[in-house]
Each structure stands twice: as C-alpha cells, then as structure tokens.
C-alpha cells in the first residue's frame, strides 16, 4: 500500500510515467533522490499529505 501511495504522489507531482516512477520511487525511499531544497520540501509535503513519512534535507557536496 505504501509503495502505491508513493508512486501515486510521484506520478502526480513529477509528471512521470509508470515505467520511470519505479526507479524514482526507489531513489526516494533510499534517500538518493535529489533536487533543490524547495523542490524536495514540496515533494515531502505532498508525501506527508498522503500519509507517508517524509523529510527534505540538505546534503554536503
């Protein structure tokens, strides 16, 4: 159920198809998905609104 909810949010927010969403979901769940901090905060907010625990954080480059 959690995977379906994550995939639903990612497809809606990122505009990606079913083929691409599986790879992105894996990156999100393992903390490897990246973008600007505002983008990641928005995505985390959308995931939380769907009942999925999510946080956005900065990474050291």
N, C-alpha and C. Protein backbone atom coordinates (compact mmCIF):
# COMPACT_ATOMS: atom_id res chain seq x y z
N UNK A 1 0.83 -1.19 0.00
CA UNK A 1 0.00 0.00 0.00
C UNK A 1 0.88 1.26 0.00
N UNK A 2 1.93 1.25 0.81
CA UNK A 2 2.83 2.41 0.89
C UNK A 2 3.46 2.70 -0.48
N UNK A 3 3.91 1.66 -1.16
CA UNK A 3 4.53 1.85 -2.47
C UNK A 3 3.56 2.46 -3.46
N UNK A 4 2.31 2.03 -3.43
CA UNK A 4 1.31 2.56 -4.34
C UNK A 4 1.06 4.04 -4.07
N UNK A 5 1.01 4.41 -2.79
CA UNK A 5 0.79 5.81 -2.43
C UNK A 5 1.97 6.67 -2.86
N UNK A 6 3.18 6.19 -2.64
CA UNK A 6 4.38 6.92 -3.06
C UNK A 6 4.37 7.10 -4.57
N UNK A 7 4.08 6.05 -5.29
CA UNK A 7 4.06 6.10 -6.75
C UNK A 7 2.99 7.08 -7.24
N UNK A 8 1.85 7.08 -6.61
CA UNK A 8 0.76 7.98 -7.00
C UNK A 8 1.20 9.45 -6.84
N UNK A 9 1.82 9.77 -5.70
CA UNK A 9 2.29 11.14 -5.47
C UNK A 9 3.38 11.51 -6.47
N UNK A 10 4.34 10.62 -6.69
CA UNK A 10 5.43 10.92 -7.62
C UNK A 10 4.92 11.14 -9.03
N UNK A 11 4.00 10.30 -9.47
CA UNK A 11 3.45 10.47 -10.82
C UNK A 11 2.73 11.80 -10.96
N UNK A 12 1.96 12.18 -9.95
CA UNK A 12 1.20 13.43 -10.00
C UNK A 12 2.13 14.65 -9.94
N UNK A 13 3.11 14.60 -9.06
CA UNK A 13 3.97 15.76 -8.84
C UNK A 13 5.09 15.91 -9.86
N UNK A 14 5.62 14.80 -10.33
CA UNK A 14 6.76 14.86 -11.25
C UNK A 14 6.36 14.68 -12.71
N UNK A 15 5.13 14.25 -12.94
CA UNK A 15 4.67 14.07 -14.31
C UNK A 15 5.40 12.97 -15.05
N UNK A 16 5.75 11.91 -14.35
CA UNK A 16 6.46 10.79 -14.99
C UNK A 16 5.52 9.61 -15.15
N UNK A 17 5.85 8.76 -16.09
CA UNK A 17 5.03 7.60 -16.36
C UNK A 17 5.33 6.45 -15.43
N UNK A 18 4.56 5.41 -15.58
CA UNK A 18 4.68 4.23 -14.72
C UNK A 18 6.06 3.60 -14.82
N UNK A 19 6.65 3.58 -16.01
CA UNK A 19 7.98 2.99 -16.17
C UNK A 19 9.04 3.74 -15.36
N UNK A 20 9.02 5.06 -15.42
CA UNK A 20 10.02 5.86 -14.73
C UNK A 20 9.79 5.99 -13.24
N UNK A 21 8.53 5.88 -12.82
CA UNK A 21 8.22 6.11 -11.42
C UNK A 21 8.80 5.04 -10.51
N UNK A 22 8.97 3.85 -10.99
CA UNK A 22 9.54 2.79 -10.14
C UNK A 22 10.98 3.11 -9.76
N UNK A 23 11.75 3.60 -10.72
CA UNK A 23 13.15 3.95 -10.43
C UNK A 23 13.22 5.15 -9.49
N UNK A 24 12.38 6.14 -9.73
CA UNK A 24 12.36 7.32 -8.87
C UNK A 24 11.91 6.95 -7.47
N UNK A 25 10.90 6.08 -7.36
CA UNK A 25 10.42 5.64 -6.05
C UNK A 25 11.57 5.02 -5.25
N UNK A 26 12.35 4.20 -5.89
CA UNK A 26 13.47 3.54 -5.22
C UNK A 26 14.47 4.58 -4.72
N UNK A 27 14.75 5.60 -5.55
CA UNK A 27 15.66 6.67 -5.14
C UNK A 27 15.10 7.45 -3.96
N UNK A 28 13.81 7.75 -4.00
CA UNK A 28 13.17 8.49 -2.91
C UNK A 28 13.24 7.68 -1.62
N UNK A 29 12.89 6.41 -1.68
CA UNK A 29 12.85 5.58 -0.47
C UNK A 29 14.23 5.34 0.13
N UNK A 30 15.27 5.40 -0.69
CA UNK A 30 16.63 5.20 -0.18
C UNK A 30 17.36 6.50 0.10
N UNK A 31 16.69 7.64 -0.11
CA UNK A 31 17.30 8.94 0.16
C UNK A 31 18.27 9.40 -0.90
N UNK A 32 18.21 8.83 -2.08
CA UNK A 32 19.14 9.19 -3.14
C UNK A 32 18.55 10.17 -4.14
N UNK A 33 17.25 10.44 -4.06
CA UNK A 33 16.62 11.38 -4.98
C UNK A 33 17.01 12.79 -4.56
N UNK A 34 17.35 13.65 -5.52
CA UNK A 34 17.79 14.99 -5.16
C UNK A 34 17.20 16.04 -6.08
N UNK A 35 17.22 17.23 -5.60
CA UNK A 35 16.75 18.41 -6.32
C UNK A 35 17.03 19.61 -5.46
N UNK A 36 16.46 20.76 -5.82
CA UNK A 36 16.66 21.93 -4.97
C UNK A 36 15.90 21.72 -3.67
N UNK A 37 16.33 22.41 -2.62
CA UNK A 37 15.68 22.25 -1.33
C UNK A 37 14.19 22.60 -1.41
N UNK A 38 13.79 23.69 -2.08
CA UNK A 38 12.36 23.96 -2.19
C UNK A 38 11.58 22.85 -2.92
N UNK A 39 12.18 22.27 -3.96
CA UNK A 39 11.54 21.17 -4.67
C UNK A 39 11.35 19.96 -3.76
N UNK A 40 12.38 19.65 -3.00
CA UNK A 40 12.32 18.49 -2.12
C UNK A 40 11.36 18.72 -0.95
N UNK A 41 11.30 19.97 -0.46
CA UNK A 41 10.36 20.27 0.61
C UNK A 41 8.92 20.14 0.12
N UNK A 42 8.65 20.60 -1.10
CA UNK A 42 7.31 20.47 -1.67
C UNK A 42 6.94 19.00 -1.85
N UNK A 43 7.86 18.20 -2.38
CA UNK A 43 7.60 16.78 -2.57
C UNK A 43 7.37 16.09 -1.22
N UNK A 44 8.17 16.42 -0.23
CA UNK A 44 8.00 15.83 1.11
C UNK A 44 6.64 16.22 1.68
N UNK A 45 6.23 17.45 1.48
CA UNK A 45 4.92 17.91 1.97
C UNK A 45 3.79 17.12 1.31
N UNK A 46 3.91 16.90 0.01
CA UNK A 46 2.88 16.14 -0.72
C UNK A 46 2.83 14.69 -0.24
N UNK A 47 4.00 14.11 0.02
CA UNK A 47 4.05 12.74 0.52
C UNK A 47 3.41 12.66 1.92
N UNK A 48 3.74 13.61 2.78
CA UNK A 48 3.15 13.62 4.12
C UNK A 48 1.64 13.78 4.06
N UNK A 49 1.15 14.59 3.14
CA UNK A 49 -0.30 14.78 2.99
C UNK A 49 -0.99 13.49 2.57
N UNK A 50 -0.22 12.58 1.97
CA UNK A 50 -0.76 11.27 1.58
C UNK A 50 -0.52 10.21 2.63
N UNK A 51 -0.03 10.63 3.81
CA UNK A 51 0.18 9.69 4.90
C UNK A 51 1.52 8.99 4.90
N UNK A 52 2.47 9.51 4.14
CA UNK A 52 3.79 8.90 4.06
C UNK A 52 4.79 9.79 4.79
N UNK A 53 5.52 9.22 5.73
CA UNK A 53 6.52 9.99 6.46
C UNK A 53 7.63 10.39 5.51
N UNK A 54 7.92 11.70 5.44
CA UNK A 54 8.94 12.19 4.52
C UNK A 54 9.55 13.47 5.06
N UNK A 55 10.84 13.65 4.80
CA UNK A 55 11.55 14.87 5.17
C UNK A 55 12.45 15.27 4.01
N UNK A 56 12.75 16.54 3.96
CA UNK A 56 13.72 17.05 2.98
C UNK A 56 14.92 17.55 3.76
N UNK A 57 16.10 17.30 3.24
CA UNK A 57 17.30 17.77 3.94
C UNK A 57 18.37 18.14 2.94
N UNK A 58 19.27 18.97 3.39
CA UNK A 58 20.42 19.36 2.57
C UNK A 58 21.48 18.26 2.65
N UNK A 59 22.22 18.12 1.58
CA UNK A 59 23.34 17.18 1.59
C UNK A 59 24.62 17.97 1.38
N UNK A 60 25.70 17.48 1.94
CA UNK A 60 27.00 18.12 1.75
C UNK A 60 27.54 17.75 0.39
N UNK A 61 27.97 18.74 -0.36
CA UNK A 61 28.53 18.47 -1.70
C UNK A 61 30.02 18.43 -1.69
